[in-house]
C-alpha atoms as a PDB file:
ATOM      1  CA  MET A   1     -29.096  19.829 -45.652  1.00  0.00           C
ATOM      2  CA  LYS A   2     -32.140  18.973 -43.362  1.00  0.00           C
ATOM      3  CA  LYS A   3     -32.822  15.617 -45.092  1.00  0.00           C
ATOM      4  CA  SER A   4     -29.175  14.893 -43.985  1.00  0.00           C
ATOM      5  CA  LEU A   5     -29.867  15.727 -40.409  1.00  0.00           C
ATOM      6  CA  ILE A   6     -33.107  14.249 -40.145  1.00  0.00           C
ATOM      7  CA  VAL A   7     -31.427  10.748 -41.146  1.00  0.00           C
ATOM      8  CA  HIS A   8     -28.870  11.146 -38.541  1.00  0.00           C
ATOM      9  CA  ILE A   9     -31.404  11.965 -36.003  1.00  0.00           C
ATOM     10  CA  LEU A  10     -33.365   9.076 -36.997  1.00  0.00           C
ATOM     11  CA  VAL A  11     -30.434   6.725 -36.761  1.00  0.00           C
ATOM     12  CA  ILE A  12     -29.336   7.740 -33.042  1.00  0.00           C
ATOM     13  CA  VAL A  13     -32.902   7.191 -32.140  1.00  0.00           C
ATOM     14  CA  ILE A  14     -33.400   3.598 -33.469  1.00  0.00           C
ATOM     15  CA  ALA A  15     -29.788   2.843 -31.957  1.00  0.00           C
ATOM     16  CA  ALA A  16     -30.958   4.236 -28.624  1.00  0.00           C
ATOM     17  CA  ALA A  17     -34.497   2.098 -29.075  1.00  0.00           C
ATOM     18  CA  ALA A  18     -32.281  -1.074 -30.055  1.00  0.00           C
ATOM     19  CA  GLY A  19     -29.702  -0.617 -26.951  1.00  0.00           C
ATOM     20  CA  SER A  20     -32.716  -0.009 -24.600  1.00  0.00           C
ATOM     21  CA  MET A  21     -34.550  -3.288 -25.964  1.00  0.00           C
ATOM     22  CA  ILE A  22     -31.386  -4.962 -25.454  1.00  0.00           C
ATOM     23  CA  ALA A  23     -30.623  -4.265 -22.180  1.00  0.00           C
ATOM     24  CA  SER A  24     -34.410  -4.568 -20.956  1.00  0.00           C
ATOM     25  CA  THR A  25     -34.343  -8.194 -22.428  1.00  0.00           C
ATOM     26  CA  LEU A  26     -30.883  -8.914 -20.376  1.00  0.00           C
ATOM     27  CA  ALA A  27     -32.405  -7.135 -17.411  1.00  0.00           C
ATOM     28  CA  THR A  28     -35.573  -9.388 -17.682  1.00  0.00           C
ATOM     29  CA  SER A  29     -33.476 -12.696 -17.976  1.00  0.00           C
ATOM     30  CA  GLN A  30     -31.212 -12.182 -14.863  1.00  0.00           C
ATOM     31  CA  GLY A  31     -31.560 -15.573 -13.178  1.00  0.00           C
ATOM     32  CA  LYS A  32     -32.098 -17.438 -16.335  1.00  0.00           C
ATOM     33  CA  ALA A  33     -29.664 -18.994 -17.966  1.00  0.00           C
ATOM     34  CA  ARG A  34     -26.796 -16.821 -19.714  1.00  0.00           C
ATOM     35  CA  THR A  35     -26.368 -17.019 -23.257  1.00  0.00           C
ATOM     36  CA  SER A  36     -22.822 -17.635 -24.172  1.00  0.00           C
ATOM     37  CA  SER A  37     -20.291 -15.148 -25.875  1.00  0.00           C
ATOM     38  CA  LYS A  38     -20.750 -17.046 -29.051  1.00  0.00           C
ATOM     39  CA  ALA A  39     -24.707 -16.432 -29.157  1.00  0.00           C
ATOM     40  CA  MET A  40     -23.934 -12.843 -28.529  1.00  0.00           C
ATOM     41  CA  CYS A  41     -22.157 -12.598 -31.497  1.00  0.00           C
ATOM     42  CA  GLY A  42     -19.073 -10.683 -30.272  1.00  0.00           C
ATOM     43  CA  PHE A  43     -21.658  -7.817 -28.969  1.00  0.00           C
ATOM     44  CA  ASN A  44     -20.869  -8.692 -25.497  1.00  0.00           C
ATOM     45  CA  LYS A  45     -18.760  -5.412 -24.833  1.00  0.00           C
ATOM     46  CA  PHE A  46     -21.363  -3.424 -26.599  1.00  0.00           C
ATOM     47  CA  ILE A  47     -23.966  -4.630 -24.369  1.00  0.00           C
ATOM     48  CA  ALA A  48     -21.744  -3.771 -21.247  1.00  0.00           C
ATOM     49  CA  ASP A  49     -21.550  -0.301 -22.401  1.00  0.00           C
ATOM     50  CA  VAL A  50     -25.298   0.027 -22.765  1.00  0.00           C
ATOM     51  CA  GLN A  51     -25.878  -1.574 -19.735  1.00  0.00           C
ATOM     52  CA  TRP A  52     -23.549   0.797 -18.235  1.00  0.00           C
ATOM     53  CA  MET A  53     -25.264   3.840 -19.593  1.00  0.00           C
ATOM     54  CA  LEU A  54     -28.451   2.508 -17.867  1.00  0.00           C
ATOM     55  CA  PHE A  55     -26.809   1.532 -14.538  1.00  0.00           C
ATOM     56  CA  ILE A  56     -25.644   5.066 -14.340  1.00  0.00           C
ATOM     57  CA  ASN A  57     -29.074   6.637 -15.076  1.00  0.00           C
ATOM     58  CA  TYR A  58     -30.452   4.247 -12.569  1.00  0.00           C
ATOM     59  CA  CYS A  59     -28.354   5.277  -9.856  1.00  0.00           C
ATOM     60  CA  GLY A  60     -29.105   8.793 -11.070  1.00  0.00           C
ATOM     61  CA  SER A  61     -32.604   8.269 -10.147  1.00  0.00           C
ATOM     62  CA  ILE A  62     -32.107   6.956  -6.591  1.00  0.00           C
ATOM     63  CA  ASP A  63     -31.206   9.248  -3.616  1.00  0.00           C
ATOM     64  CA  SER A  64     -28.396   7.022  -2.301  1.00  0.00           C
ATOM     65  CA  ILE A  65     -27.175   3.229  -1.862  1.00  0.00           C
ATOM     66  CA  LYS A  66     -29.303   1.813   0.615  1.00  0.00           C
ATOM     67  CA  ASP A  67     -30.267  -1.583   2.125  1.00  0.00           C
ATOM     68  CA  GLN A  68     -33.065  -1.902  -0.042  1.00  0.00           C
ATOM     69  CA  ASN A  69     -31.371  -0.982  -3.115  1.00  0.00           C
ATOM     70  CA  VAL A  70     -28.040  -2.344  -2.884  1.00  0.00           C
ATOM     71  CA  ASP A  71     -28.666  -5.749  -4.123  1.00  0.00           C
ATOM     72  CA  GLU A  72     -30.006  -4.286  -7.247  1.00  0.00           C
ATOM     73  CA  VAL A  73     -26.808  -2.000  -7.834  1.00  0.00           C
ATOM     74  CA  TYR A  74     -24.875  -5.383  -7.020  1.00  0.00           C
ATOM     75  CA  ASN A  75     -26.625  -7.149  -9.792  1.00  0.00           C
ATOM     76  CA  ARG A  76     -26.555  -4.484 -12.504  1.00  0.00           C
ATOM     77  CA  LEU A  77     -22.722  -4.347 -11.962  1.00  0.00           C
ATOM     78  CA  SER A  78     -22.467  -8.411 -11.911  1.00  0.00           C
ATOM     79  CA  GLU A  79     -24.337  -8.162 -15.229  1.00  0.00           C
ATOM     80  CA  ILE A  80     -21.891  -5.873 -16.824  1.00  0.00           C
ATOM     81  CA  LEU A  81     -19.087  -7.966 -15.677  1.00  0.00           C
ATOM     82  CA  ARG A  82     -20.175 -10.634 -17.030  1.00  0.00           C
ATOM     83  CA  ASN A  83     -20.360  -9.465 -20.500  1.00  0.00           C
ATOM     84  CA  ASP A  84     -17.099  -7.716 -20.352  1.00  0.00           C
ATOM     85  CA  PRO A  85     -14.716  -9.001 -17.884  1.00  0.00           C
ATOM     86  CA  ASP A  86     -12.294  -6.038 -18.548  1.00  0.00           C
ATOM     87  CA  PHE A  87     -14.608  -3.207 -17.817  1.00  0.00           C
ATOM     88  CA  GLN A  88     -12.233  -1.154 -15.356  1.00  0.00           C
ATOM     89  CA  LYS A  89     -14.723   1.417 -14.768  1.00  0.00           C
ATOM     90  CA  ALA A  90     -17.160  -0.809 -13.245  1.00  0.00           C
ATOM     91  CA  TYR A  91     -14.855  -2.343 -10.975  1.00  0.00           C
ATOM     92  CA  GLU A  92     -13.385   0.763  -9.714  1.00  0.00           C
ATOM     93  CA  ILE A  93     -16.715   3.294  -9.416  1.00  0.00           C
ATOM     94  CA  GLY A  94     -19.234   0.700  -9.124  1.00  0.00           C
ATOM     95  CA  ALA A  95     -17.339  -1.522  -6.404  1.00  0.00           C
ATOM     96  CA  LEU A  96     -16.962   1.849  -4.288  1.00  0.00           C
ATOM     97  CA  MET A  97     -20.687   2.679  -4.689  1.00  0.00           C
ATOM     98  CA  ILE A  98     -21.346  -0.361  -2.957  1.00  0.00           C
ATOM     99  CA  SER A  99     -18.669  -0.297  -0.506  1.00  0.00           C
ATOM    100  CA  ILE A 100     -20.282   0.992   2.647  1.00  0.00           C
ATOM    101  CA  LYS A 101     -23.667  -0.969   2.211  1.00  0.00           C
ATOM    102  CA  ALA A 102     -22.209  -4.480   0.811  1.00  0.00           C
ATOM    103  CA  SER A 103     -18.632  -4.229   1.431  1.00  0.00           C
ATOM    104  CA  ASP A 104     -18.039  -7.824   1.002  1.00  0.00           C
ATOM    105  CA  LYS A 105     -19.698  -8.236  -2.355  1.00  0.00           C
ATOM    106  CA  ALA A 106     -17.386  -4.979  -3.322  1.00  0.00           C
ATOM    107  CA  VAL A 107     -14.320  -6.586  -2.356  1.00  0.00           C
ATOM    108  CA  GLU A 108     -15.516  -9.876  -3.743  1.00  0.00           C
ATOM    109  CA  LEU A 109     -16.133  -8.105  -7.277  1.00  0.00           C
ATOM    110  CA  LEU A 110     -12.629  -6.162  -6.988  1.00  0.00           C
ATOM    111  CA  LYS A 111     -11.061  -9.525  -6.320  1.00  0.00           C
ATOM    112  CA  GLN A 112     -12.164 -10.746  -9.611  1.00  0.00           C
ATOM    113  CA  GLY A 113     -10.849  -7.475 -11.514  1.00  0.00           C
ATOM    114  CA  THR A 114      -7.268  -8.301  -9.648  1.00  0.00           C
ATOM    115  CA  ASP A 115      -7.407 -11.713 -10.768  1.00  0.00           C
ATOM    116  CA  ASN A 116      -8.053 -10.903 -14.685  1.00  0.00           C
ATOM    117  CA  PRO A 117      -4.980 -11.225 -16.301  1.00  0.00           C
ATOM    118  CA  ARG A 118      -5.984  -8.376 -18.939  1.00  0.00           C
ATOM    119  CA  LEU A 119      -6.046  -6.195 -16.313  1.00  0.00           C
ATOM    120  CA  SER A 120      -2.728  -7.027 -14.928  1.00  0.00           C
ATOM    121  CA  SER A 121      -1.101  -3.751 -15.197  1.00  0.00           C
ATOM    122  CA  ASN A 122      -4.064  -1.808 -13.021  1.00  0.00           C
ATOM    123  CA  TRP A 123      -2.821  -0.850  -9.856  1.00  0.00           C
ATOM    124  CA  LYS A 124      -6.293   0.611  -8.608  1.00  0.00           C
ATOM    125  CA  ILE A 125      -8.220  -2.165  -8.579  1.00  0.00           C
ATOM    126  CA  PRO A 126      -6.448  -4.422  -5.735  1.00  0.00           C
ATOM    127  CA  PHE A 127      -5.645  -0.824  -3.921  1.00  0.00           C
ATOM    128  CA  LEU A 128      -9.329  -0.465  -4.041  1.00  0.00           C
ATOM    129  CA  ALA A 129     -10.034  -3.879  -2.353  1.00  0.00           C
ATOM    130  CA  GLY A 130      -7.518  -3.534  -0.044  1.00  0.00           C
ATOM    131  CA  PHE A 131      -8.904  -0.082   1.140  1.00  0.00           C
ATOM    132  CA  VAL A 132     -12.600  -1.237   1.354  1.00  0.00           C
ATOM    133  CA  MET A 133     -11.237  -4.480   3.165  1.00  0.00           C
ATOM    134  CA  ASN A 134      -9.738  -2.289   5.738  1.00  0.00           C
ATOM    135  CA  HIS A 135     -12.013   0.544   6.277  1.00  0.00           C
ATOM    136  CA  ASN A 136     -15.592  -1.136   5.622  1.00  0.00           C
ATOM    137  CA  VAL A 137     -15.687  -4.775   5.928  1.00  0.00           C
ATOM    138  CA  PRO A 138     -16.898  -5.340   9.977  1.00  0.00           C
ATOM    139  CA  LYS A 139     -14.354  -7.149  11.855  1.00  0.00           C
ATOM    140  CA  ASP A 140     -16.860  -9.904  12.590  1.00  0.00           C
ATOM    141  CA  LYS A 141     -17.142 -10.576   8.942  1.00  0.00           C
ATOM    142  CA  LEU A 142     -13.575 -10.131   7.555  1.00  0.00           C
ATOM    143  CA  PRO A 143     -12.283 -13.652   8.732  1.00  0.00           C
ATOM    144  CA  ALA A 144     -15.204 -15.493   6.453  1.00  0.00           C
ATOM    145  CA  LEU A 145     -14.183 -13.356   3.778  1.00  0.00           C
ATOM    146  CA  ILE A 146     -10.527 -13.754   3.722  1.00  0.00           C
ATOM    147  CA  SER A 147     -10.905 -16.997   3.710  1.00  0.00           C
ATOM    148  CA  LYS A 148     -13.587 -17.208   0.880  1.00  0.00           C
ATOM    149  CA  ILE A 149     -11.621 -15.036  -1.345  1.00  0.00           C
ATOM    150  CA  LYS A 150      -7.885 -16.327  -0.494  1.00  0.00           C
ATOM    151  CA  ALA A 151      -6.667 -12.933   0.185  1.00  0.00           C
ATOM    152  CA  ASP A 152      -6.317 -10.125   2.662  1.00  0.00           C
ATOM    153  CA  SER A 153      -5.548  -6.144   2.825  1.00  0.00           C
ATOM    154  CA  GLN A 154      -1.935  -6.711   2.702  1.00  0.00           C
ATOM    155  CA  TRP A 155      -2.023  -9.108  -0.302  1.00  0.00           C
ATOM    156  CA  PHE A 156      -3.932  -6.355  -2.266  1.00  0.00           C
ATOM    157  CA  PHE A 157      -1.828  -3.707  -1.055  1.00  0.00           C
ATOM    158  CA  GLU A 158       1.431  -5.685  -2.280  1.00  0.00           C
ATOM    159  CA  THR A 159      -0.376  -6.376  -5.330  1.00  0.00           C
ATOM    160  CA  ALA A 160      -0.993  -2.752  -6.072  1.00  0.00           C
ATOM    161  CA  ALA A 161       2.657  -1.705  -4.927  1.00  0.00           C
ATOM    162  CA  ARG A 162       3.900  -4.410  -7.476  1.00  0.00           C
ATOM    163  CA  ARG A 163       1.772  -2.858 -10.294  1.00  0.00           C
ATOM    164  CA  SER A 164       2.458   0.626  -9.921  1.00  0.00           C
ATOM    165  CA  SER A 165       5.695   2.087 -11.020  1.00  0.00           C
ATOM    166  CA  PRO A 166       6.820   3.594  -9.241  1.00  0.00           C
ATOM    167  CA  PRO A 167       4.486   2.729  -6.365  1.00  0.00           C
ATOM    168  CA  GLU A 168       2.497   5.791  -4.979  1.00  0.00           C
ATOM    169  CA  PRO A 169       3.000   6.810  -1.661  1.00  0.00           C
ATOM    170  CA  HIS A 170      -0.734   6.268  -0.588  1.00  0.00           C
ATOM    171  CA  VAL A 171      -0.220   2.615  -1.702  1.00  0.00           C
ATOM    172  CA  ILE A 172       3.201   2.234   0.341  1.00  0.00           C
ATOM    173  CA  SER A 173       1.524   3.840   3.510  1.00  0.00           C
ATOM    174  CA  SER A 174      -1.403   1.669   3.006  1.00  0.00           C
ATOM    175  CA  LEU A 175       0.812  -1.531   2.826  1.00  0.00           C
ATOM    176  CA  MET A 176       2.609  -0.597   5.816  1.00  0.00           C
ATOM    177  CA  ARG A 177      -0.224  -0.092   7.860  1.00  0.00           C
ATOM    178  CA  ALA A 178      -1.538  -3.364   7.103  1.00  0.00           C
ATOM    179  CA  LYS A 179       1.649  -5.211   7.853  1.00  0.00           C
ATOM    180  CA  ALA A 180       1.678  -2.902  11.203  1.00  0.00           C
ATOM    181  CA  GLU A 181      -2.024  -4.002  12.064  1.00  0.00           C
ATOM    182  CA  LYS A 182      -1.304  -7.355  12.219  1.00  0.00           C
ATOM    183  CA  LEU A 183       1.251  -6.731  14.979  1.00  0.00           C
ATOM    184  CA  VAL A 184      -0.530  -4.986  17.558  1.00  0.00           C
ATOM    185  CA  ASN A 185      -0.892  -6.732  20.894  1.00  0.00           C
ATOM    186  CA  LYS A 186       1.608  -9.224  19.776  1.00  0.00           C
ATOM    187  CA  LYS A 187       5.143 -10.109  20.784  1.00  0.00           C
ATOM    188  CA  TRP A 188       7.361  -8.495  18.162  1.00  0.00           C
ATOM    189  CA  LYS A 189      11.071  -9.528  19.715  1.00  0.00           C
ATOM    190  CA  GLU A 190      11.961 -11.201  23.158  1.00  0.00           C
ATOM    191  CA  ASN A 191      11.433  -8.488  25.329  1.00  0.00           C
ATOM    192  CA  ILE A 192       9.299  -6.131  23.711  1.00  0.00           C
ATOM    193  CA  THR A 193       5.327  -6.388  22.943  1.00  0.00           C
ATOM    194  CA  ILE A 194       3.316  -4.413  20.623  1.00  0.00           C
ATOM    195  CA  VAL A 195       1.308  -1.480  22.664  1.00  0.00           C
ATOM    196  CA  ASN A 196      -0.368   0.515  20.108  1.00  0.00           C
ATOM    197  CA  GLU A 197      -0.696   1.347  16.269  1.00  0.00           C
ATOM    198  CA  LYS A 198       2.186   3.879  16.323  1.00  0.00           C
ATOM    199  CA  HIS A 199       4.601   1.112  17.928  1.00  0.00           C
ATOM    200  CA  ALA A 200       3.408  -1.479  15.199  1.00  0.00           C
ATOM    201  CA  LEU A 201       4.075   0.739  12.570  1.00  0.00           C
ATOM    202  CA  ILE A 202       7.592   1.697  13.376  1.00  0.00           C
ATOM    203  CA  CYS A 203       8.282  -2.082  14.142  1.00  0.00           C
ATOM    204  CA  ALA A 204       6.954  -2.742  10.589  1.00  0.00           C
ATOM    205  CA  TRP A 205       9.219  -0.327   8.895  1.00  0.00           C
ATOM    206  CA  ILE A 206      12.176  -1.785  10.883  1.00  0.00           C
ATOM    207  CA  ASP A 207      11.163  -5.247   9.676  1.00  0.00           C
ATOM    208  CA  GLU A 208      10.967  -4.018   6.118  1.00  0.00           C
ATOM    209  CA  ALA A 209      14.304  -2.264   6.275  1.00  0.00           C
ATOM    210  CA  LEU A 210      16.225  -5.220   7.893  1.00  0.00           C
ATOM    211  CA  SER A 211      14.747  -7.849   5.679  1.00  0.00           C
ATOM    212  CA  SER A 212      15.499  -5.446   2.485  1.00  0.00           C
ATOM    213  CA  SER A 213      19.005  -5.540   3.962  1.00  0.00           C
ATOM    214  CA  LYS A 214      19.363  -9.335   4.360  1.00  0.00           C
ATOM    215  CA  MET A 215      17.892  -9.653   0.737  1.00  0.00           C
ATOM    216  CA  ARG A 216      20.320  -7.280  -0.818  1.00  0.00           C
ATOM    217  CA  MET A 217      23.212  -9.325   0.883  1.00  0.00           C
ATOM    218  CA  GLY A 218      21.893 -12.685  -0.505  1.00  0.00           C
ATOM    219  CA  ASN A 219      20.727 -14.347   2.646  1.00  0.00           C
ATOM    220  CA  GLY A 220      18.189 -16.051   0.970  1.00  0.00           C
ATOM    221  CA  VAL A 221      15.128 -13.924   2.426  1.00  0.00           C
ATOM    222  CA  GLU A 222      12.297 -14.498  -0.101  1.00  0.00           C
ATOM    223  CA  ASP A 223      11.367 -11.155  -1.622  1.00  0.00           C
ATOM    224  CA  SER A 224       7.731 -10.409  -0.649  1.00  0.00           C
ATOM    225  CA  GLY A 225       7.307  -6.610  -1.485  1.00  0.00           C
ATOM    226  CA  PHE A 226      10.381  -5.543   0.627  1.00  0.00           C
ATOM    227  CA  SER A 227      12.493  -4.066  -2.469  1.00  0.00           C
ATOM    228  CA  ILE A 228       9.554  -2.433  -3.946  1.00  0.00           C
ATOM    229  CA  VAL A 229       8.636  -0.570  -0.778  1.00  0.00           C
ATOM    230  CA  ILE A 230      12.227   0.039   0.343  1.00  0.00           C
ATOM    231  CA  ASN A 231      13.093   1.520  -3.309  1.00  0.00           C
ATOM    232  CA  SER A 232      10.162   3.764  -3.108  1.00  0.00           C
ATOM    233  CA  VAL A 233      11.020   5.530   0.340  1.00  0.00           C
ATOM    234  CA  LYS A 234      13.796   8.276  -0.254  1.00  0.00           C
ATOM    235  CA  ASP A 235      14.835   8.637   3.545  1.00  0.00           C
ATOM    236  CA  LEU A 236      13.877   5.399   5.045  1.00  0.00           C
ATOM    237  CA  ASN A 237      16.658   6.517   8.169  1.00  0.00           C
ATOM    238  CA  GLN A 238      15.166   9.481   8.732  1.00  0.00           C
ATOM    239  CA  LYS A 239      11.540   8.110   8.758  1.00  0.00           C
ATOM    240  CA  ILE A 240      12.170   5.734  11.153  1.00  0.00           C
ATOM    241  CA  LEU A 241      14.323   7.874  13.507  1.00  0.00           C
ATOM    242  CA  GLN A 242      11.385  10.291  13.782  1.00  0.00           C
ATOM    243  CA  GLN A 243       9.000   7.637  14.361  1.00  0.00           C
ATOM    244  CA  ALA A 244      11.350   6.502  17.209  1.00  0.00           C
ATOM    245  CA  ALA A 245      11.960   9.978  18.606  1.00  0.00           C
ATOM    246  CA  SER A 246       8.191  10.435  18.565  1.00  0.00           C
ATOM    247  CA  LEU A 247       7.512   7.002  20.464  1.00  0.00           C
ATOM    248  CA  LYS A 248      10.393   7.853  22.912  1.00  0.00           C
ATOM    249  CA  LYS A 249       8.977  11.653  23.505  1.00  0.00           C
ATOM    250  CA  ASN A 250       5.174  10.252  23.984  1.00  0.00           C
ATOM    251  CA  TYR A 251       5.844   7.158  26.304  1.00  0.00           C
ATOM    252  CA  PRO A 252       9.087   8.099  28.452  1.00  0.00           C
ATOM    253  CA  ASP A 253       8.053   5.290  30.667  1.00  0.00           C
ATOM    254  CA  ASN A 254       6.742   2.487  28.582  1.00  0.00           C
ATOM    255  CA  GLN A 255       9.367  -0.288  28.860  1.00  0.00           C
ATOM    256  CA  ASN A 256       8.182  -2.288  25.793  1.00  0.00           C
ATOM    257  CA  ILE A 257       8.848   1.236  23.677  1.00  0.00           C
ATOM    258  CA  LEU A 258      12.325   1.879  25.427  1.00  0.00           C
ATOM    259  CA  ASN A 259      13.296  -1.561  24.445  1.00  0.00           C
ATOM    260  CA  THR A 260      12.398  -0.852  20.901  1.00  0.00           C
ATOM    261  CA  ILE A 261      14.406   2.504  21.186  1.00  0.00           C
ATOM    262  CA  ALA A 262      17.651   0.168  22.311  1.00  0.00           C
ATOM    263  CA  TYR A 263      16.614  -2.326  19.664  1.00  0.00           C
ATOM    264  CA  VAL A 264      16.783   0.551  17.056  1.00  0.00           C
ATOM    265  CA  LYS A 265      20.001   1.695  18.232  1.00  0.00           C
ATOM    266  CA  THR A 266      21.537  -1.806  18.346  1.00  0.00           C
ATOM    267  CA  ASN A 267      20.596  -3.312  15.125  1.00  0.00           C
ATOM    268  CA  TYR A 268      19.276  -0.428  12.918  1.00  0.00           C
ATOM    269  CA  LEU A 269      21.788   2.032  13.717  1.00  0.00           C
ATOM    270  CA  LYS A 270      24.624  -0.004  13.985  1.00  0.00           C
ATOM    271  CA  GLY A 271      27.539   1.914  12.661  1.00  0.00           C
ATOM    272  CA  GLN A 272      25.972   4.960  12.519  1.00  0.00           C
ATOM    273  CA  ASN A 273      26.585   8.417  14.280  1.00  0.00           C
ATOM    274  CA  TYR A 274      23.397   9.471  15.821  1.00  0.00           C
ATOM    275  CA  CYS A 275      22.170  12.009  18.622  1.00  0.00           C
ATOM    276  CA  ASP A 276      21.294   9.790  21.760  1.00  0.00           C
ATOM    277  CA  ALA A 277      18.453  12.188  23.083  1.00  0.00           C
ATOM    278  CA  CYS A 278      16.683  12.416  19.774  1.00  0.00           C
ATOM    279  CA  LEU A 279      18.475   9.549  17.609  1.00  0.00           C
ATOM    280  CA  SER A 280      18.635  11.925  14.704  1.00  0.00           C
ATOM    281  CA  ILE A 281      21.772  11.436  12.473  1.00  0.00           C
ATOM    282  CA  TYR A 282      24.145  14.149  12.829  1.00  0.00           C
ATOM    283  CA  ALA A 283      27.385  15.166   9.990  1.00  0.00           C
ATOM    284  CA  PRO A 284      30.983  14.948  10.429  1.00  0.00           C
ATOM    285  CA  GLY A 285      32.497  17.751  12.865  1.00  0.00           C
ATOM    286  CA  ASP A 286      29.126  18.346  14.477  1.00  0.00           C
ATOM    287  CA  LYS A 287      29.480  19.111  18.289  1.00  0.00           C
ATOM    288  CA  PHE A 288      25.568  19.660  19.000  1.00  0.00           C
ATOM    289  CA  CYS A 289      22.282  18.079  17.567  1.00  0.00           C
ATOM    290  CA  SER A 290      20.963  20.536  14.947  1.00  0.00           C
ATOM    291  CA  VAL A 291      17.595  19.043  15.914  1.00  0.00           C
ATOM    292  CA  CYS A 292      17.345  18.992  19.474  1.00  0.00           C
ATOM    293  CA  GLY A 293      20.543  21.157  20.681  1.00  0.00           C
ATOM    294  CA  GLU A 294      22.178  18.294  22.801  1.00  0.00           C
ATOM    295  CA  LYS A 295      25.916  17.858  22.677  1.00  0.00           C
ATOM    296  CA  VAL A 296      26.813  15.159  20.690  1.00  0.00           C
ATOM    297  CA  VAL A 297      30.331  12.896  20.242  1.00  0.00           C
ATOM    298  CA  VAL A 298      32.374  14.596  17.396  1.00  0.00           C
ATOM    299  CA  TYR A 299      33.760  12.164  14.761  1.00  0.00           C
ATOM    300  CA  GLY A 300      35.436  12.666  11.467  1.00  0.00           C
ATOM    301  CA  THR A 301      37.785  15.650  12.286  1.00  0.00           C
ATOM    302  CA  CYS A 302      41.373  16.001  11.986  1.00  0.00           C
ATOM    303  CA  PRO A 303      43.208  14.654  15.175  1.00  0.00           C
ATOM    304  CA  GLN A 304      45.826  17.504  14.575  1.00  0.00           C
ATOM    305  CA  CYS A 305      43.647  20.998  13.744  1.00  0.00           C
ATOM    306  CA  GLY A 306      40.020  19.538  14.231  1.00  0.00           C
ATOM    307  CA  VAL A 307      39.237  20.322  10.673  1.00  0.00           C
ATOM    308  CA  VAL A 308      36.593  17.986   8.918  1.00  0.00           C
ATOM    309  CA  MET A 309      38.677  15.351   7.105  1.00  0.00           C
ATOM    310  CA  LYS A 310      37.609  14.794   3.493  1.00  0.00           C
ATOM    311  CA  GLY A 311      40.048  12.051   2.712  1.00  0.00           C
ATOM    312  CA  SER A 312      42.811   9.958   4.224  1.00  0.00           C
ATOM    313  CA  HIS A 313      44.572  13.304   4.794  1.00  0.00           C
ATOM    314  CA  CYS A 314      43.443  16.420   6.438  1.00  0.00           C
ATOM    315  CA  SER A 315      43.291  19.257   3.660  1.00  0.00           C
ATOM    316  CA  ALA A 316      44.384  22.028   5.877  1.00  0.00           C
ATOM    317  CA  CYS A 317      47.452  20.663   7.560  1.00  0.00           C
ATOM    318  CA  GLY A 318      48.026  17.052   5.757  1.00  0.00           C
ATOM    319  CA  ALA A 319      47.805  14.806   8.845  1.00  0.00           C
ATOM    320  CA  ALA A 320      46.744  11.285   8.208  1.00  0.00           C
ATOM    321  CA  LYS A 321      43.556  10.230   9.271  1.00  0.00           C
ATOM    322  CA  GLU A 322      43.655   8.094  12.312  1.00  0.00           C
ATOM    323  CA  VAL A 323      43.373   4.280  11.849  1.00  0.00           C
ATOM    324  CA  PRO A 324      41.743   2.657  14.881  1.00  0.00           C
ATOM    325  CA  VAL A 325      44.663   0.225  16.330  1.00  0.00           C
ATOM    326  CA  PRO A 326      43.097  -3.326  17.010  1.00  0.00           C
ATOM    327  CA  ALA A 327      43.302  -5.098  20.173  1.00  0.00           C
ATOM    328  CA  PRO A 328      46.041  -7.516  20.623  1.00  0.00           C
ATOM    329  CA  ALA A 329      44.728 -11.384  20.095  1.00  0.00           C
ATOM    330  CA  LEU A 330      44.832 -13.163  23.252  1.00  0.00           C
ATOM    331  CA  GLU A 331      47.645 -15.772  23.379  1.00  0.00           C
ATOM    332  CA  LYS A 332      46.433 -19.426  23.093  1.00  0.00           C
ATOM    333  CA  LYS A 333      47.453 -21.526  26.185  1.00  0.00           C
END
């Protein structure tokens, strides 16, 4: 029994020593010609695992990621991913570790993982890329980085939304904020210029909803993520109306905001019954808004007894539902 235990311990020690030697050799050979996959005899993933353990050990030996060591951390991550491009943890954990001090390099690593066809079901990698790009990449570096990697935060969030089924709420939220960010301080409609981020967000949601509606009707609108977003939001109407009501309350005198509210009423709420004061949808038979208490125009009731109509005839008195009489056509001269 003791012999068996000693043999096991010796095997573990020898394996650890061999792994350490391999990793050490790889570390010292950085910058030199890389050994091909065939020359590694298929041990690349094993080597990457050993390098990852040494990477974790190295990160534990430093206080934090600083300007002095961020390049070393990045080089170690790059080496791991060269040996195993499918190493998901290295992308997800490693890129976040360098996202503050080397945000552009973190995004490049995450873009590499996003483009890997064998990781096409992983939504976290593109989401993290979009998150880092939005929150950590300095604005002056952003155009050059986008030009270099041919993708922006919206593209990453759309990719993450398509890969997650159903899309996570925070993915959809980040995607819509990325869309809204592109609208700030720009002209949205003929008489509407976006004044702030909250204003941009509701306009982005309205664009999303209307474009999705056109796509469903077969108007030839290209699917750029609209159906994914709309199908993942349970009560889109309420979401847009709440945002519109909040803007109306906080910016009662801003003409751009008031024009946006008018646009919502004319285009988005067309055919719906809503409270003019707070834009909340109300039910048939309601006399007052249940949200703000304002008087509303009653609809959906029996013309004879006032009971809410459930069909073509009143269930209380049998009266037929009134059908609006179309206006007579003008005679042609």
